[in-house]
């Protein structure tokens, strides 16, 4: 897998039936290593190791319903009160981040109401803070670290 624009982390891998899997520390299981999963795992480790979010507040690959359609988000971080702090949309490194990607995470956020959004393909990361009152978002240099 290609190097990404995240710090280096230690991962557990296994190979079965000619497929390589990576251990997901949130789902507590091995998942097939695809390019998007490589980005997702880097992002999860970044959020835990660098931004200091507790594993207990992180959800990975869960289903949600948007406009009657079933969708799956990549990563969500909850606040301790159960509200959503951050949604992360991960793309494979070869996928460029464009308006369609932001439209996708904005649709998800209509159902989830996260304060912060992050979009990454592992090479480029974009961070936004929601302004619900004015129904827009503003770009940030980074997302805030976890605070108790």
N, C-alpha and C. Protein backbone atom coordinates (compact mmCIF):
# COMPACT_ATOMS: atom_id res chain seq x y z
N UNK A 1 0.85 -1.19 0.00
CA UNK A 1 0.00 0.00 0.00
C UNK A 1 0.89 1.25 0.00
N UNK A 2 0.35 2.31 -0.56
CA UNK A 2 1.15 3.52 -0.70
C UNK A 2 1.24 4.30 0.60
N UNK A 3 2.31 5.08 0.74
CA UNK A 3 2.47 5.95 1.90
C UNK A 3 1.42 7.05 1.85
N UNK A 4 0.91 7.40 3.02
CA UNK A 4 -0.13 8.43 3.12
C UNK A 4 0.39 9.61 3.91
N UNK A 5 -0.34 10.70 3.86
CA UNK A 5 0.03 11.91 4.55
C UNK A 5 -0.51 11.90 5.99
N UNK A 6 -0.11 10.88 6.72
CA UNK A 6 -0.43 10.70 8.14
C UNK A 6 0.86 10.24 8.81
N UNK A 7 0.96 10.39 10.12
CA UNK A 7 2.12 9.82 10.82
C UNK A 7 2.13 8.29 10.65
N UNK A 8 3.28 7.69 10.84
CA UNK A 8 3.40 6.23 10.75
C UNK A 8 2.83 5.59 12.02
N UNK A 9 2.07 4.53 11.84
CA UNK A 9 1.50 3.80 12.96
C UNK A 9 1.80 2.32 12.78
N UNK A 10 1.67 1.55 13.85
CA UNK A 10 1.84 0.10 13.78
C UNK A 10 0.48 -0.54 13.51
N UNK A 11 0.47 -1.44 12.55
CA UNK A 11 -0.76 -2.14 12.17
C UNK A 11 -0.54 -3.63 12.26
N UNK A 12 -1.63 -4.37 12.44
CA UNK A 12 -1.59 -5.84 12.40
C UNK A 12 -2.21 -6.28 11.09
N UNK A 13 -1.53 -7.17 10.40
CA UNK A 13 -2.01 -7.69 9.13
C UNK A 13 -2.10 -9.21 9.22
N UNK A 14 -2.94 -9.77 8.37
CA UNK A 14 -2.95 -11.22 8.18
C UNK A 14 -3.33 -11.49 6.74
N UNK A 15 -2.92 -12.64 6.26
CA UNK A 15 -3.20 -13.00 4.88
C UNK A 15 -3.92 -14.35 4.86
N UNK A 16 -5.08 -14.39 4.23
CA UNK A 16 -5.83 -15.63 4.08
C UNK A 16 -6.45 -15.64 2.69
N UNK A 17 -6.39 -16.80 2.06
CA UNK A 17 -6.99 -16.98 0.73
C UNK A 17 -6.57 -15.87 -0.24
N UNK A 18 -5.28 -15.57 -0.26
CA UNK A 18 -4.72 -14.55 -1.15
C UNK A 18 -5.27 -13.14 -0.91
N UNK A 19 -5.84 -12.89 0.27
CA UNK A 19 -6.32 -11.55 0.61
C UNK A 19 -5.61 -11.09 1.88
N UNK A 20 -5.14 -9.86 1.84
CA UNK A 20 -4.51 -9.27 3.03
C UNK A 20 -5.58 -8.51 3.80
N UNK A 21 -5.59 -8.69 5.11
CA UNK A 21 -6.52 -7.99 5.98
C UNK A 21 -5.73 -7.17 6.99
N UNK A 22 -6.36 -6.12 7.48
CA UNK A 22 -5.78 -5.25 8.50
C UNK A 22 -6.71 -5.26 9.71
N UNK A 23 -6.11 -5.22 10.91
CA UNK A 23 -6.93 -5.25 12.12
C UNK A 23 -7.47 -3.86 12.41
N UNK A 24 -8.78 -3.77 12.56
CA UNK A 24 -9.46 -2.53 12.91
C UNK A 24 -9.63 -2.50 14.43
N UNK A 25 -8.96 -1.55 15.09
CA UNK A 25 -8.99 -1.50 16.55
C UNK A 25 -10.32 -1.00 17.10
N UNK A 26 -11.17 -0.44 16.27
CA UNK A 26 -12.50 0.00 16.70
C UNK A 26 -13.50 -1.16 16.56
N UNK A 27 -13.53 -1.78 15.39
CA UNK A 27 -14.45 -2.90 15.17
C UNK A 27 -13.94 -4.19 15.79
N UNK A 28 -12.67 -4.19 16.21
CA UNK A 28 -12.03 -5.34 16.85
C UNK A 28 -12.09 -6.59 15.98
N UNK A 29 -11.75 -6.40 14.69
CA UNK A 29 -11.70 -7.53 13.78
C UNK A 29 -10.84 -7.17 12.58
N UNK A 30 -10.41 -8.20 11.86
CA UNK A 30 -9.67 -7.99 10.63
C UNK A 30 -10.64 -7.68 9.50
N UNK A 31 -10.29 -6.70 8.68
CA UNK A 31 -11.09 -6.34 7.52
C UNK A 31 -10.18 -6.35 6.29
N UNK A 32 -10.75 -6.70 5.14
CA UNK A 32 -9.97 -6.78 3.91
C UNK A 32 -9.32 -5.43 3.63
N UNK A 33 -8.05 -5.48 3.31
CA UNK A 33 -7.30 -4.25 3.07
C UNK A 33 -7.49 -3.76 1.63
N UNK A 34 -8.38 -2.80 1.49
CA UNK A 34 -8.61 -2.10 0.23
C UNK A 34 -7.99 -0.70 0.37
N UNK A 35 -7.78 0.02 -0.72
CA UNK A 35 -7.19 1.36 -0.60
C UNK A 35 -7.97 2.30 0.34
N UNK A 36 -9.30 2.28 0.27
CA UNK A 36 -10.08 3.14 1.17
C UNK A 36 -9.92 2.71 2.62
N UNK A 37 -9.84 1.41 2.86
CA UNK A 37 -9.65 0.90 4.23
C UNK A 37 -8.29 1.32 4.77
N UNK A 38 -7.28 1.35 3.93
CA UNK A 38 -5.94 1.80 4.31
C UNK A 38 -6.01 3.25 4.82
N UNK A 39 -6.75 4.09 4.10
CA UNK A 39 -6.94 5.48 4.52
C UNK A 39 -7.73 5.53 5.82
N UNK A 40 -8.81 4.76 5.91
CA UNK A 40 -9.66 4.76 7.11
C UNK A 40 -8.85 4.36 8.35
N UNK A 41 -8.03 3.33 8.23
CA UNK A 41 -7.25 2.88 9.39
C UNK A 41 -6.20 3.91 9.79
N UNK A 42 -5.58 4.55 8.83
CA UNK A 42 -4.64 5.63 9.16
C UNK A 42 -5.37 6.76 9.90
N UNK A 43 -6.53 7.10 9.41
CA UNK A 43 -7.30 8.19 10.01
C UNK A 43 -7.72 7.84 11.44
N UNK A 44 -8.19 6.62 11.66
CA UNK A 44 -8.58 6.18 13.01
C UNK A 44 -7.38 6.29 13.96
N UNK A 45 -6.22 5.79 13.53
CA UNK A 45 -5.03 5.85 14.39
C UNK A 45 -4.60 7.30 14.64
N UNK A 46 -4.74 8.15 13.64
CA UNK A 46 -4.43 9.57 13.79
C UNK A 46 -5.36 10.21 14.83
N UNK A 47 -6.64 9.93 14.73
CA UNK A 47 -7.61 10.52 15.66
C UNK A 47 -7.36 10.06 17.10
N UNK A 48 -6.92 8.83 17.27
CA UNK A 48 -6.65 8.29 18.62
C UNK A 48 -5.28 8.75 19.13
N UNK A 49 -4.25 8.58 18.32
CA UNK A 49 -2.88 8.83 18.78
C UNK A 49 -2.50 10.30 18.80
N UNK A 50 -2.93 11.05 17.80
CA UNK A 50 -2.52 12.45 17.69
C UNK A 50 -3.57 13.39 18.28
N UNK A 51 -4.84 13.18 17.92
CA UNK A 51 -5.90 14.08 18.39
C UNK A 51 -6.45 13.66 19.75
N UNK A 52 -6.07 12.48 20.22
CA UNK A 52 -6.37 11.99 21.58
C UNK A 52 -7.83 11.66 21.84
N UNK A 53 -8.59 11.29 20.79
CA UNK A 53 -9.97 10.87 21.00
C UNK A 53 -9.99 9.46 21.57
N UNK A 54 -10.80 9.21 22.61
CA UNK A 54 -10.90 7.86 23.17
C UNK A 54 -11.57 6.91 22.16
N UNK A 55 -11.09 5.70 22.11
CA UNK A 55 -11.68 4.68 21.21
C UNK A 55 -13.17 4.52 21.48
N UNK A 56 -13.56 4.69 22.74
CA UNK A 56 -14.97 4.47 23.11
C UNK A 56 -15.92 5.47 22.46
N UNK A 57 -15.40 6.58 21.96
CA UNK A 57 -16.25 7.60 21.32
C UNK A 57 -16.24 7.50 19.79
N UNK A 58 -15.55 6.49 19.26
CA UNK A 58 -15.39 6.38 17.81
C UNK A 58 -16.21 5.21 17.27
N UNK A 59 -16.91 5.47 16.18
CA UNK A 59 -17.66 4.45 15.44
C UNK A 59 -17.12 4.38 14.02
N UNK A 60 -17.06 3.20 13.46
CA UNK A 60 -16.55 3.02 12.10
C UNK A 60 -17.55 2.22 11.27
N UNK A 61 -17.80 2.69 10.04
CA UNK A 61 -18.60 1.97 9.05
C UNK A 61 -19.97 1.54 9.59
N UNK A 62 -20.76 2.50 9.96
CA UNK A 62 -22.12 2.20 10.42
C UNK A 62 -23.12 2.73 9.41
N UNK A 63 -24.29 2.11 9.41
CA UNK A 63 -25.34 2.48 8.47
C UNK A 63 -26.15 3.67 8.99
N UNK A 64 -26.57 4.53 8.07
CA UNK A 64 -27.49 5.60 8.40
C UNK A 64 -28.46 5.74 7.23
N UNK A 65 -29.58 6.39 7.47
CA UNK A 65 -30.57 6.61 6.42
C UNK A 65 -30.60 8.08 6.07
N UNK A 66 -30.39 8.37 4.77
CA UNK A 66 -30.40 9.74 4.27
C UNK A 66 -31.43 9.81 3.16
N UNK A 67 -32.46 10.63 3.35
CA UNK A 67 -33.54 10.76 2.36
C UNK A 67 -34.12 9.40 1.96
N UNK A 68 -34.30 8.53 2.94
CA UNK A 68 -34.89 7.22 2.70
C UNK A 68 -33.93 6.19 2.12
N UNK A 69 -32.67 6.57 1.88
CA UNK A 69 -31.68 5.65 1.32
C UNK A 69 -30.70 5.23 2.41
N UNK A 70 -30.33 3.95 2.38
CA UNK A 70 -29.36 3.44 3.35
C UNK A 70 -27.95 3.76 2.85
N UNK A 71 -27.17 4.40 3.71
CA UNK A 71 -25.79 4.78 3.42
C UNK A 71 -24.91 4.30 4.56
N UNK A 72 -23.59 4.36 4.36
CA UNK A 72 -22.64 3.98 5.40
C UNK A 72 -21.63 5.11 5.56
N UNK A 73 -21.47 5.58 6.80
CA UNK A 73 -20.42 6.57 7.03
C UNK A 73 -19.12 5.84 7.35
N UNK A 74 -18.00 6.54 7.15
CA UNK A 74 -16.70 5.94 7.41
C UNK A 74 -16.34 5.99 8.90
N UNK A 75 -16.27 7.20 9.45
CA UNK A 75 -15.89 7.37 10.85
C UNK A 75 -16.76 8.46 11.47
N UNK A 76 -17.25 8.20 12.67
CA UNK A 76 -17.96 9.22 13.45
C UNK A 76 -17.34 9.24 14.83
N UNK A 77 -17.15 10.46 15.35
CA UNK A 77 -16.70 10.63 16.73
C UNK A 77 -17.82 11.33 17.49
N UNK A 78 -18.20 10.71 18.60
CA UNK A 78 -19.27 11.24 19.43
C UNK A 78 -18.71 12.14 20.53
N UNK A 79 -19.52 13.08 20.97
CA UNK A 79 -19.27 13.80 22.21
C UNK A 79 -19.72 12.89 23.35
N UNK A 80 -19.29 13.19 24.57
CA UNK A 80 -19.67 12.34 25.70
C UNK A 80 -21.18 12.35 25.96
N UNK A 81 -21.91 13.37 25.47
CA UNK A 81 -23.36 13.42 25.66
C UNK A 81 -24.12 12.67 24.56
N UNK A 82 -23.39 12.04 23.63
CA UNK A 82 -24.04 11.26 22.57
C UNK A 82 -24.24 12.03 21.28
N UNK A 83 -24.08 13.34 21.31
CA UNK A 83 -24.16 14.12 20.07
C UNK A 83 -22.90 13.84 19.25
N UNK A 84 -22.93 14.24 17.99
CA UNK A 84 -21.81 13.90 17.10
C UNK A 84 -20.88 15.09 16.95
N UNK A 85 -19.62 14.84 17.24
CA UNK A 85 -18.57 15.86 17.15
C UNK A 85 -18.03 15.95 15.72
N UNK A 86 -17.75 14.79 15.10
CA UNK A 86 -17.04 14.77 13.82
C UNK A 86 -17.52 13.62 12.95
N UNK A 87 -17.69 13.90 11.66
CA UNK A 87 -17.87 12.85 10.65
C UNK A 87 -16.65 12.90 9.75
N UNK A 88 -16.12 11.73 9.41
CA UNK A 88 -14.99 11.64 8.49
C UNK A 88 -15.43 10.82 7.28
N UNK A 89 -15.19 11.37 6.10
CA UNK A 89 -15.40 10.65 4.85
C UNK A 89 -14.04 10.32 4.27
N UNK A 90 -13.78 9.01 4.09
CA UNK A 90 -12.51 8.56 3.55
C UNK A 90 -12.68 8.08 2.12
N UNK A 91 -11.74 8.43 1.30
CA UNK A 91 -11.69 7.99 -0.10
C UNK A 91 -10.35 7.33 -0.34
N UNK A 92 -10.28 6.48 -1.34
CA UNK A 92 -9.01 5.87 -1.74
C UNK A 92 -8.06 6.97 -2.22
N UNK A 93 -6.75 6.77 -2.09
CA UNK A 93 -5.80 7.80 -2.49
C UNK A 93 -5.93 8.25 -3.95
N UNK A 94 -6.35 7.36 -4.83
CA UNK A 94 -6.44 7.74 -6.24
C UNK A 94 -7.69 8.58 -6.55
N UNK A 95 -8.62 8.67 -5.58
CA UNK A 95 -9.84 9.46 -5.75
C UNK A 95 -9.55 10.89 -5.34
N UNK A 96 -9.78 11.82 -6.25
CA UNK A 96 -9.55 13.22 -5.88
C UNK A 96 -10.76 13.74 -5.09
N UNK A 97 -10.47 14.61 -4.16
CA UNK A 97 -11.51 15.23 -3.34
C UNK A 97 -12.09 16.39 -4.15
N UNK A 98 -13.41 16.38 -4.32
CA UNK A 98 -14.04 17.45 -5.10
C UNK A 98 -15.38 17.82 -4.47
N UNK A 99 -16.14 18.64 -5.17
CA UNK A 99 -17.41 19.12 -4.62
C UNK A 99 -18.37 17.96 -4.35
N UNK A 100 -18.32 16.92 -5.17
CA UNK A 100 -19.19 15.76 -4.97
C UNK A 100 -18.92 15.12 -3.61
N UNK A 101 -17.65 15.06 -3.22
CA UNK A 101 -17.29 14.49 -1.92
C UNK A 101 -17.87 15.33 -0.79
N UNK A 102 -17.76 16.66 -0.92
CA UNK A 102 -18.31 17.54 0.11
C UNK A 102 -19.84 17.46 0.14
N UNK A 103 -20.45 17.32 -1.03
CA UNK A 103 -21.91 17.16 -1.08
C UNK A 103 -22.33 15.88 -0.36
N UNK A 104 -21.55 14.81 -0.54
CA UNK A 104 -21.85 13.53 0.11
C UNK A 104 -21.81 13.67 1.63
N UNK A 105 -20.74 14.25 2.16
CA UNK A 105 -20.64 14.36 3.62
C UNK A 105 -21.67 15.36 4.16
N UNK A 106 -22.01 16.38 3.36
CA UNK A 106 -23.05 17.33 3.79
C UNK A 106 -24.41 16.64 3.87
N UNK A 107 -24.70 15.73 2.93
CA UNK A 107 -25.96 14.96 2.99
C UNK A 107 -25.98 14.09 4.24
N UNK A 108 -24.86 13.42 4.54
CA UNK A 108 -24.78 12.60 5.74
C UNK A 108 -25.01 13.46 6.98
N UNK A 109 -24.46 14.67 6.95
CA UNK A 109 -24.56 15.51 8.12
C UNK A 109 -25.97 16.05 8.33
N UNK A 110 -26.80 16.05 7.29
CA UNK A 110 -28.20 16.44 7.48
C UNK A 110 -28.88 15.46 8.45
N UNK A 111 -28.43 14.22 8.46
CA UNK A 111 -28.99 13.22 9.37
C UNK A 111 -28.25 13.18 10.70
N UNK A 112 -26.96 13.54 10.70
CA UNK A 112 -26.13 13.34 11.89
C UNK A 112 -25.85 14.61 12.71
N UNK A 113 -25.89 15.77 12.08
CA UNK A 113 -25.65 17.05 12.77
C UNK A 113 -24.32 17.14 13.51
N UNK A 114 -23.25 16.74 12.85
CA UNK A 114 -21.91 16.86 13.44
C UNK A 114 -21.46 18.31 13.42
N UNK A 115 -20.67 18.68 14.39
CA UNK A 115 -20.10 20.02 14.45
C UNK A 115 -18.96 20.19 13.45
N UNK A 116 -18.17 19.12 13.28
CA UNK A 116 -17.01 19.17 12.39
C UNK A 116 -17.09 18.09 11.33
N UNK A 117 -16.51 18.38 10.16
CA UNK A 117 -16.43 17.43 9.06
C UNK A 117 -14.98 17.30 8.63
N UNK A 118 -14.61 16.09 8.23
CA UNK A 118 -13.27 15.86 7.68
C UNK A 118 -13.42 15.00 6.45
N UNK A 119 -12.74 15.39 5.39
CA UNK A 119 -12.72 14.61 4.15
C UNK A 119 -11.26 14.34 3.84
N UNK A 120 -10.92 13.07 3.56
CA UNK A 120 -9.53 12.72 3.28
C UNK A 120 -9.44 11.61 2.25
N UNK A 121 -8.41 11.67 1.45
CA UNK A 121 -8.05 10.53 0.59
C UNK A 121 -6.69 9.99 1.03
N UNK A 122 -6.29 10.38 2.22
CA UNK A 122 -5.01 9.94 2.78
C UNK A 122 -3.86 10.83 2.39
N UNK A 123 -4.01 11.53 1.29
CA UNK A 123 -2.97 12.44 0.80
C UNK A 123 -3.33 13.88 1.10
N UNK A 124 -4.60 14.21 0.90
CA UNK A 124 -5.12 15.55 1.17
C UNK A 124 -6.24 15.44 2.19
N UNK A 125 -6.19 16.34 3.18
CA UNK A 125 -7.19 16.35 4.24
C UNK A 125 -7.86 17.72 4.26
N UNK A 126 -9.18 17.72 4.38
CA UNK A 126 -9.94 18.97 4.46
C UNK A 126 -10.80 18.91 5.71
N UNK A 127 -10.85 20.03 6.42
CA UNK A 127 -11.58 20.11 7.68
C UNK A 127 -12.56 21.28 7.60
N UNK A 128 -13.76 21.06 8.12
CA UNK A 128 -14.78 22.11 8.11
C UNK A 128 -15.47 22.16 9.47
N UNK A 129 -15.96 23.33 9.80
CA UNK A 129 -16.81 23.50 10.98
C UNK A 129 -18.16 23.97 10.50
N UNK A 130 -19.20 23.35 11.01
CA UNK A 130 -20.57 23.69 10.60
C UNK A 130 -21.03 24.98 11.27
N UNK A 131 -21.77 25.75 10.52
CA UNK A 131 -22.48 26.92 11.03
C UNK A 131 -23.96 26.64 10.72
N UNK A 132 -24.63 25.99 11.67
CA UNK A 132 -26.02 25.56 11.45
C UNK A 132 -26.97 26.74 11.30
N UNK A 133 -26.68 27.81 12.03
CA UNK A 133 -27.56 28.97 11.99
C UNK A 133 -27.62 29.57 10.57
N UNK A 134 -26.47 29.63 9.90
CA UNK A 134 -26.42 30.21 8.56
C UNK A 134 -26.38 29.15 7.45
N UNK A 135 -26.53 27.88 7.85
CA UNK A 135 -26.57 26.74 6.92
C UNK A 135 -25.39 26.73 5.95
N UNK A 136 -24.18 26.80 6.54
CA UNK A 136 -22.97 26.73 5.72
C UNK A 136 -21.86 26.13 6.57
N UNK A 137 -20.70 25.90 5.95
CA UNK A 137 -19.55 25.44 6.69
C UNK A 137 -18.35 26.28 6.29
N UNK A 138 -17.41 26.38 7.23
CA UNK A 138 -16.18 27.11 6.94
C UNK A 138 -15.00 26.15 7.07
N UNK A 139 -14.02 26.35 6.22
CA UNK A 139 -12.84 25.49 6.23
C UNK A 139 -11.91 25.87 7.38
N UNK A 140 -11.26 24.86 7.94
CA UNK A 140 -10.32 25.03 9.05
C UNK A 140 -8.96 24.46 8.65
N UNK A 141 -7.93 24.84 9.39
CA UNK A 141 -6.60 24.28 9.18
C UNK A 141 -6.53 22.84 9.71
N UNK A 142 -7.32 22.56 10.76
CA UNK A 142 -7.28 21.26 11.42
C UNK A 142 -8.54 21.15 12.27
N UNK A 143 -8.81 19.95 12.77
CA UNK A 143 -9.90 19.80 13.71
C UNK A 143 -9.33 19.93 15.13
N UNK A 144 -10.15 20.34 16.09
CA UNK A 144 -9.64 20.48 17.46
C UNK A 144 -9.26 19.11 18.05
N UNK A 145 -8.34 19.13 18.97
CA UNK A 145 -7.99 17.93 19.74
C UNK A 145 -9.14 17.61 20.69
N UNK A 146 -9.14 16.39 21.17
CA UNK A 146 -10.15 15.98 22.14
C UNK A 146 -9.95 16.73 23.45
N UNK A 147 -11.05 17.17 24.03
CA UNK A 147 -11.03 17.82 25.34
C UNK A 147 -12.06 17.13 26.22
N UNK A 148 -11.67 16.88 27.45
CA UNK A 148 -12.58 16.26 28.41
C UNK A 148 -13.77 17.13 28.70
